[in-house]
Protein backbone atom coordinates (compact mmCIF):
# COMPACT_ATOMS: atom_id res chain seq x y z
CA MET A 1 -32.94 61.00 42.61
CA ASN A 2 -33.73 57.95 44.72
CA SER A 3 -35.33 56.27 41.71
CA ALA A 4 -32.22 56.87 39.60
CA CYS A 5 -29.97 55.45 42.31
CA ASP A 6 -32.20 52.42 42.67
CA ASN A 7 -32.05 51.81 38.91
CA GLU A 8 -28.26 52.06 38.94
CA GLU A 9 -28.02 49.60 41.85
CA ARG A 10 -30.38 47.16 40.08
CA THR A 11 -28.32 47.46 36.90
CA ASP A 12 -25.12 46.66 38.81
CA ASP A 13 -26.82 43.74 40.55
CA ASP A 14 -28.14 42.40 37.24
CA HIS A 15 -24.69 42.66 35.66
CA GLU A 16 -23.09 40.88 38.59
CA GLY A 17 -25.78 38.22 38.44
CA HIS A 18 -25.14 37.64 34.74
CA VAL A 19 -21.42 37.29 35.44
CA ILE A 20 -22.09 34.74 38.19
CA ASP A 21 -24.53 32.81 35.98
CA SER A 22 -21.98 32.80 33.17
CA ARG A 23 -19.29 31.46 35.47
CA VAL A 24 -21.62 28.80 36.85
CA ASN A 25 -22.57 27.75 33.33
CA ASP A 26 -18.91 27.65 32.30
CA ALA A 27 -18.07 25.50 35.34
CA ARG A 28 -20.98 23.16 34.62
CA GLY A 29 -19.95 22.90 30.97
CA LEU A 30 -16.36 22.15 32.00
CA MET A 31 -17.50 19.50 34.47
CA LYS A 32 -19.73 17.96 31.83
CA ASP A 33 -16.86 17.83 29.32
CA VAL A 34 -14.49 16.29 31.87
CA ILE A 35 -17.04 13.65 32.92
CA ARG A 36 -17.74 12.76 29.29
CA ASP A 37 -14.02 12.54 28.51
CA VAL A 38 -13.36 10.31 31.51
CA ASN A 39 -16.27 8.03 30.57
CA PHE A 40 -14.94 7.62 27.03
CA TYR A 41 -11.40 7.12 28.30
CA TYR A 42 -12.42 4.21 30.54
CA GLY A 43 -15.15 2.84 28.25
CA SER A 44 -18.02 3.56 30.69
CA ILE A 45 -20.14 5.40 28.15
CA GLY A 46 -23.57 4.34 29.43
CA ARG A 47 -26.24 6.23 27.49
CA GLN A 48 -23.71 8.56 25.88
CA GLY A 49 -23.01 6.04 23.09
CA TRP A 50 -24.38 5.87 19.58
CA ILE A 51 -27.06 3.33 20.56
CA ARG A 52 -29.31 4.88 23.20
CA ASN A 53 -32.42 2.76 22.82
CA PRO A 54 -32.35 0.07 25.58
CA THR A 55 -33.71 -2.62 23.26
CA TYR A 56 -31.11 -1.97 20.58
CA ARG A 57 -28.38 -1.91 23.23
CA GLU A 58 -29.41 -5.38 24.40
CA ILE A 59 -29.40 -6.65 20.81
CA SER A 60 -25.91 -5.22 20.27
CA GLN A 61 -24.71 -7.00 23.42
CA LEU A 62 -25.98 -10.29 21.99
CA MET A 63 -24.19 -9.77 18.67
CA PHE A 64 -20.92 -8.19 19.84
CA LEU A 65 -18.39 -8.64 22.61
CA ALA A 66 -18.61 -5.67 25.03
CA PRO A 67 -20.01 -3.30 22.36
CA GLN A 68 -19.98 -0.23 24.62
CA TRP A 69 -16.36 -0.84 25.57
CA VAL A 70 -15.41 -1.12 21.88
CA GLU A 71 -17.39 2.02 21.07
CA GLY A 72 -15.55 3.77 23.89
CA LEU A 73 -12.23 2.79 22.29
CA VAL A 74 -13.36 4.09 18.89
CA GLN A 75 -14.72 7.35 20.32
CA LYS A 76 -11.55 7.87 22.36
CA GLU A 77 -9.31 7.57 19.29
CA VAL A 78 -11.58 9.53 16.94
CA ARG A 79 -12.09 12.38 19.42
CA THR A 80 -8.36 12.59 20.20
CA ALA A 81 -7.51 12.72 16.49
CA ALA A 82 -10.17 15.39 15.91
CA ARG A 83 -8.80 17.54 18.73
CA LEU A 84 -5.28 17.26 17.38
CA ALA A 85 -6.55 18.32 13.95
CA THR A 86 -8.37 21.36 15.38
CA ALA A 87 -5.61 22.32 17.83
CA PRO A 88 -4.77 25.60 16.00
CA ILE A 89 -8.41 26.73 16.26
CA SER A 90 -8.49 25.88 19.98
CA VAL A 91 -5.30 27.92 20.53
CA MET A 92 -6.82 30.96 18.83
CA LYS A 93 -10.02 30.66 20.87
CA GLY A 94 -8.12 30.12 24.11
CA THR A 95 -9.94 26.85 24.83
CA PRO A 96 -8.32 23.59 26.04
CA ILE A 97 -6.54 21.87 23.15
CA LEU A 98 -6.85 18.18 24.07
CA GLY A 99 -9.03 18.12 27.14
CA ALA A 100 -8.91 15.35 29.75
CA LEU A 101 -9.39 12.64 27.10
CA GLY A 102 -6.71 13.78 24.67
CA SER A 103 -4.31 14.61 27.47
CA GLY A 104 -4.63 11.09 28.92
CA VAL A 105 -4.08 9.44 25.54
CA ALA A 106 -1.12 11.70 24.73
CA LYS A 107 0.60 11.01 28.06
CA GLY A 108 0.02 7.27 27.68
CA LEU A 109 1.47 7.24 24.16
CA LEU A 110 4.52 9.27 25.20
CA GLY A 111 5.12 6.96 28.15
CA TYR A 112 4.93 3.87 25.95
CA ILE A 113 7.20 5.43 23.33
CA ALA A 114 9.82 5.98 26.03
CA LEU A 115 9.37 2.37 27.18
CA THR A 116 9.75 0.92 23.66
CA GLN A 117 12.94 2.94 23.13
CA VAL A 118 14.48 1.47 26.27
CA LEU A 119 13.40 -2.08 25.37
CA ASN A 120 14.70 -1.82 21.82
CA LEU A 121 18.06 -0.47 23.06
CA ILE A 122 18.31 -3.55 25.29
CA THR A 123 17.27 -6.13 22.67
CA ARG A 124 18.75 -4.58 19.51
CA GLY A 125 21.19 -1.94 20.70
CA LYS A 126 19.43 0.87 18.80
CA SER A 127 16.30 3.00 18.96
CA THR A 128 13.08 1.88 17.33
CA PHE A 129 13.49 4.64 14.71
CA GLN A 130 16.52 2.70 13.42
CA ASN A 131 14.61 -0.56 12.94
CA PRO A 132 15.07 -1.80 9.35
CA GLU A 133 11.40 -2.86 9.29
CA GLU A 134 9.48 0.06 7.76
CA ASP A 135 6.24 -0.76 9.60
CA HIS A 136 7.85 -0.91 13.05
CA LYS A 137 9.64 2.41 13.47
CA LEU A 138 7.96 2.94 16.87
CA ASP A 139 7.81 -0.70 18.02
CA ALA A 140 10.22 -2.53 20.34
CA TRP A 141 11.42 -6.01 19.43
CA ILE A 142 11.11 -8.68 22.14
CA PRO A 143 12.98 -11.82 20.96
CA THR A 144 11.83 -15.32 21.98
CA GLY A 145 14.29 -17.25 19.81
CA GLU A 146 16.86 -16.88 17.06
CA ASN A 147 14.34 -15.88 14.40
CA SER A 148 11.18 -15.38 16.46
CA GLY A 149 9.76 -12.77 18.78
CA PHE A 150 7.12 -10.10 19.33
CA TRP A 151 6.62 -6.42 18.59
CA LEU A 152 5.46 -4.11 21.38
CA SER A 153 3.76 -1.04 19.92
CA PRO A 154 3.03 2.19 21.85
CA MET A 155 -0.36 2.21 20.13
CA SER A 156 -1.39 -1.26 21.34
CA VAL A 157 -2.94 0.08 24.57
CA PHE A 158 -3.79 3.76 24.01
CA ALA A 159 -4.85 3.45 20.35
CA GLU A 160 -5.93 -0.18 20.23
CA ILE A 161 -8.34 -0.03 17.29
CA THR A 162 -5.94 1.96 15.11
CA HIS A 163 -3.14 -0.44 16.04
CA ASP A 164 -5.27 -3.46 15.09
CA ILE A 165 -6.07 -1.93 11.68
CA ILE A 166 -2.36 -1.20 11.04
CA ARG A 167 -1.35 -4.68 12.24
CA LEU A 168 -3.90 -6.50 10.10
CA GLY A 169 -3.05 -4.22 7.19
CA GLU A 170 0.31 -6.01 7.01
CA SER A 171 -1.37 -9.26 5.98
CA LYS A 172 -4.61 -8.08 4.36
CA PRO A 173 -4.68 -6.92 0.72
CA THR A 174 -6.58 -3.68 1.44
CA ALA A 175 -7.36 -1.35 4.36
CA TYR A 176 -11.04 -2.28 3.97
CA GLU A 177 -10.21 -5.95 4.56
CA ALA A 178 -8.25 -5.00 7.69
CA ILE A 179 -11.15 -2.93 9.07
CA ARG A 180 -13.55 -5.74 8.18
CA GLN A 181 -11.43 -8.24 10.12
CA VAL A 182 -11.24 -5.93 13.15
CA GLY A 183 -15.05 -5.81 13.17
CA ALA A 184 -15.31 -9.59 12.82
CA ASN A 185 -12.97 -10.06 15.78
CA LYS A 186 -15.38 -8.12 18.01
CA LEU A 187 -18.36 -10.41 17.30
CA SER A 188 -19.98 -12.63 19.94
CA PRO A 189 -20.67 -16.34 19.24
CA LEU A 190 -24.10 -15.43 17.84
CA GLY A 191 -22.55 -12.61 15.81
CA ARG A 192 -19.91 -14.97 14.41
CA MET A 193 -22.62 -17.42 13.39
CA ALA A 194 -24.37 -14.66 11.43
CA TRP A 195 -21.03 -13.56 9.95
CA ILE A 196 -20.21 -17.10 8.77
CA PHE A 197 -23.65 -17.44 7.18
CA ALA A 198 -23.39 -14.09 5.40
CA SER A 199 -19.76 -14.23 4.29
CA ARG A 200 -19.24 -18.02 3.96
CA GLU A 201 -15.83 -17.56 5.60
CA ASN A 202 -14.46 -19.23 8.72
CA SER A 203 -12.56 -17.51 11.53
CA GLN A 204 -9.27 -17.88 9.59
CA GLY A 205 -10.73 -15.99 6.63
CA GLN A 206 -10.87 -19.15 4.51
CA ARG A 207 -13.69 -19.59 2.03
CA ILE A 208 -16.17 -22.32 3.09
CA THR A 209 -16.91 -24.39 0.00
CA SER A 210 -19.76 -26.64 1.18
CA THR A 211 -23.06 -26.34 3.04
CA GLY A 212 -21.98 -29.04 5.48
CA GLY A 213 -18.78 -27.16 6.22
CA MET A 214 -20.72 -23.96 6.84
CA ILE A 215 -23.16 -25.68 9.24
CA LYS A 216 -20.25 -27.30 11.09
CA GLU A 217 -18.40 -24.00 11.43
CA MET A 218 -21.54 -22.20 12.63
CA ALA A 219 -22.27 -24.93 15.19
CA SER A 220 -18.72 -24.70 16.54
CA GLN A 221 -19.38 -21.08 17.57
CA LEU A 222 -22.04 -22.18 20.08
CA ALA A 223 -19.49 -23.94 22.30
CA PRO A 224 -16.27 -21.97 21.91
CA ALA A 225 -13.34 -22.61 24.25
CA PRO A 226 -12.88 -19.87 26.86
CA ILE A 227 -10.64 -17.19 25.41
CA SER A 228 -8.29 -17.30 28.39
CA LEU A 229 -7.95 -21.11 28.43
CA GLY A 230 -8.07 -22.24 24.79
CA VAL A 231 -4.39 -21.79 23.87
CA PRO A 232 -2.88 -22.92 27.23
CA ALA A 233 -5.15 -25.98 27.30
CA ARG A 234 -4.12 -26.88 23.76
CA ALA A 235 -0.43 -26.46 24.62
CA LEU A 236 -0.86 -28.66 27.72
CA GLY A 237 -2.77 -31.28 25.73
CA HIS A 238 -0.04 -31.36 23.10
CA ALA A 239 2.64 -31.77 25.77
CA ILE A 240 0.77 -34.73 27.27
CA ALA A 241 -0.39 -36.40 24.03
CA PRO A 242 1.45 -34.89 21.03
CA LYS A 243 0.03 -37.49 18.64
CA LEU A 244 -3.56 -36.66 19.59
CA VAL A 245 -3.52 -32.88 20.18
CA SER A 246 -2.01 -30.39 17.73
CA PRO A 247 0.17 -27.62 19.21
CA PRO A 248 -0.98 -23.99 19.19
CA PRO A 249 0.57 -21.73 16.54
CA PRO A 250 4.16 -20.69 17.31
CA GLY A 251 4.25 -17.84 19.81
CA ALA A 252 0.51 -18.08 20.63
CA LEU A 253 1.09 -19.29 24.20
CA GLN A 254 3.64 -16.57 25.00
CA GLN A 255 1.34 -13.96 23.45
CA ARG A 256 -1.59 -15.13 25.58
CA LEU A 257 0.51 -15.07 28.77
CA LEU A 258 1.75 -11.56 28.02
CA GLY A 259 -1.84 -10.50 27.28
CA ALA A 260 -2.94 -11.84 30.67
CA ALA A 261 -0.33 -9.54 32.21
CA GLY A 262 -1.79 -6.56 30.34
CA ILE A 263 0.94 -6.46 27.66
CA LYS A 264 -0.52 -6.57 24.15
CA VAL A 265 2.07 -7.68 21.60
CA GLN A 266 2.13 -8.60 17.92
CA PRO A 267 3.97 -11.72 16.70
CA GLY A 268 6.82 -10.99 14.34
CA GLN A 269 6.51 -12.24 10.77
CA SER A 270 8.81 -14.94 9.46
CA ASN A 271 11.37 -14.07 6.79
CA VAL A 272 9.16 -15.84 4.23
CA GLN A 273 6.15 -13.72 5.21
CA GLN A 274 8.17 -10.50 5.12
CA ALA A 275 9.75 -11.29 1.76
CA GLN A 276 6.41 -12.39 0.31
CA ARG A 277 4.85 -9.14 1.43
CA PHE A 278 7.34 -6.79 -0.18
CA ALA A 279 7.40 -9.00 -3.29
CA THR A 280 3.61 -8.69 -3.60
CA GLU A 281 3.77 -4.93 -3.01
CA PHE A 282 6.47 -4.64 -5.68
CA MET A 283 4.32 -6.47 -8.23
CA GLU A 284 1.26 -4.30 -7.46
CA LYS A 285 3.29 -1.09 -7.56
CA ASN A 286 4.70 -1.94 -11.00
CA GLY A 287 1.44 -3.31 -12.41
CA LEU A 288 2.84 -6.82 -12.85
CA LYS A 289 0.83 -10.02 -12.60
CA PRO A 290 1.86 -13.46 -11.25
CA GLU A 291 2.10 -16.25 -13.78
CA THR A 292 -0.78 -18.75 -13.98
CA GLY A 293 -0.65 -21.45 -11.31
CA PHE A 294 1.18 -19.44 -8.65
CA VAL A 295 -1.82 -18.06 -6.73
CA GLU A 296 -3.41 -20.02 -3.88
CA VAL A 297 -6.91 -19.03 -2.75
CA PRO A 298 -7.45 -19.85 0.96
CA THR A 299 -10.45 -22.14 1.52
CA ASP A 300 -11.53 -24.63 4.19
CA GLU A 301 -10.64 -27.54 1.90
CA PRO A 302 -7.43 -29.58 2.26
CA SER A 303 -4.53 -27.74 0.65
CA TYR A 304 -0.77 -27.77 0.23
CA SER A 305 -0.64 -24.54 2.23
CA LYS A 306 -2.18 -26.24 5.27
CA LEU A 307 0.18 -29.19 4.87
CA ARG A 308 3.17 -26.85 4.83
CA SER A 309 1.78 -24.96 7.83
CA ALA A 310 1.52 -28.18 9.86
CA ILE A 311 5.13 -29.09 9.02
CA ARG A 312 6.29 -25.56 9.86
CA ASN A 313 4.47 -25.65 13.23
CA ASP A 314 5.92 -29.08 14.08
CA ASP A 315 2.41 -30.56 14.09
CA PRO A 316 2.73 -34.23 12.98
CA LYS A 317 -0.93 -34.95 13.74
CA GLY A 318 -2.12 -32.06 11.58
CA ALA A 319 0.33 -33.00 8.81
CA LYS A 320 -0.87 -36.61 8.81
CA THR A 321 -4.53 -35.55 8.68
CA MET A 322 -3.88 -33.13 5.81
CA MET A 323 -1.78 -35.69 3.93
CA GLU A 324 -4.58 -38.27 4.17
CA GLU A 325 -7.09 -35.74 2.85
CA LEU A 326 -4.86 -34.74 -0.07
CA ARG A 327 -4.28 -38.39 -0.97
CA LYS A 328 -7.99 -38.72 -1.77
CA THR A 329 -7.50 -36.61 -4.89
CA HIS A 330 -3.71 -36.59 -5.45
CA THR A 331 -0.93 -39.14 -5.68
CA ASP A 332 2.08 -38.97 -3.40
CA GLU A 333 4.19 -38.01 -6.39
CA GLN A 334 1.95 -35.01 -7.10
CA ILE A 335 2.05 -33.91 -3.45
CA LEU A 336 5.84 -34.17 -3.26
CA LYS A 337 6.20 -32.26 -6.52
CA ALA A 338 3.87 -29.47 -5.35
CA VAL A 339 5.77 -28.92 -2.07
CA ARG A 340 9.13 -29.01 -3.88
CA MET A 341 7.91 -26.49 -6.48
CA TRP A 342 6.70 -24.14 -3.72
CA ALA A 343 10.17 -24.19 -2.15
CA LYS A 344 11.77 -23.15 -5.46
CA ARG A 345 9.20 -20.92 -7.12
CA PRO A 346 9.63 -17.10 -7.33
CA LEU A 347 8.16 -15.10 -4.47
CA THR A 348 6.64 -12.72 -7.00
CA GLY A 349 4.98 -15.61 -8.82
CA SER A 350 6.84 -14.55 -11.98
CA ASN A 351 10.38 -15.21 -13.18
CA LYS A 352 10.47 -11.81 -14.87
CA GLY A 353 9.09 -10.07 -11.79
CA GLU A 354 11.65 -11.83 -9.59
CA MET A 355 14.57 -10.54 -11.66
CA LEU A 356 13.20 -6.99 -11.51
CA LEU A 357 12.66 -7.29 -7.77
CA LEU A 358 16.24 -8.40 -7.18
CA THR A 359 17.59 -5.34 -8.98
CA GLU A 360 15.55 -2.91 -6.85
CA MET A 361 15.92 -4.47 -3.39
CA SER A 362 17.53 -2.57 -0.55
CA ASP A 363 20.31 -4.27 1.42
CA GLU A 364 17.89 -5.02 4.28
CA GLN A 365 15.32 -6.51 1.91
CA PHE A 366 17.93 -8.66 0.22
CA ASP A 367 19.02 -10.02 3.61
CA VAL A 368 15.39 -10.96 4.41
CA TYR A 369 14.97 -12.41 0.91
CA ALA A 370 18.03 -14.65 1.30
CA LYS A 371 16.80 -15.89 4.68
CA ALA A 372 13.35 -16.55 3.18
CA LEU A 373 14.83 -18.78 0.49
CA GLN A 374 16.72 -20.66 3.19
CA GLU A 375 13.56 -21.07 5.30
CA ARG A 376 11.64 -22.48 2.33
CA GLN A 377 14.41 -24.97 1.61
CA GLU A 378 14.47 -26.02 5.27
CA LEU A 379 10.71 -26.56 5.22
CA TRP A 380 11.05 -28.78 2.15
CA ASN A 381 13.79 -30.79 3.92
CA ASN A 382 11.64 -31.12 7.05
CA PHE A 383 8.68 -32.26 4.98
CA LEU A 384 10.80 -34.82 3.19
CA ASP A 385 12.14 -36.17 6.50
CA TRP A 386 8.62 -36.38 7.92
CA TYR A 387 7.37 -38.13 4.77
CA MET A 388 10.13 -40.74 4.87
CA ARG A 389 9.43 -41.48 8.56
CA ASN A 390 5.69 -41.92 7.91
């Protein structure tokens, strides 16, 4: 009898012990998950990253800018997306759906969406969902002039990598090119040197056509201007000596100042850029090809495109330098003719394609198209005025 009672008591004790151990293990597992989520959320991944070997981690730090921080951003977005995709399974199992990581990202995105709605109501008098721009249905417009401004996206802070891919996808021909550019932007000076050598492209994505040009571009990466001072210093230099220092690109200074305040924005495209984009997409969608002579391949050599860019950016020094380079192989008559033809040529690169495009445009696209034609004519007039003065 006593033996039977003892066995029953031991069985009850063992069962209770298993329950306690199970609860302890569950608590430890939960703590481990929370700690991992918090580390990924703030980018403090330590040895939890893909590269765990100390030597390889040091090499990655030489080749990339803050590689563990960037990996933390990628892991944060990938893990959040995966948890959203498997949410139904988590509901059936009774486990947390998003966890600390996904919950933080979701709350941040919702907060920013509310903010962009308020901003867009102030600047445009309507919600972001009513924006005519198809790629900015969640973004708030922050104007800086009559036809200039910035886009503030909810994804710019809490889904930074995805936002960069979407943003670059507006100007790159393929998603692969956009992802490739995002990777290139994360390289350190040594990493950029290796990238230039392997790809023969400069930081603007232009093809380097000579060995000397490649060596010069690689050497320039060894003494880059500090990221936080380059644009402001250039703007100050241009204000003091406009004939010696070229101005930064339009909107670059405001973008850098907003970035210093923790607000990541995307410059709005000009009407010419917007119209050119949907014209190119229209040609690709309908299997049409531009006529010969209408395609410009970006390289590091002097070009009409760079001359037009200098005129557009109100950069007389850059325009003069580019004009002098073009004069080595072209007459002034040829240069004038090329700029005039650009102002009048079809955006599709084809007269037939242009007529088809006009018949299928929406009202919003036609408005942008008309403004683009006006902008090109104004650039031609500005170039002609600059040419006559010089």
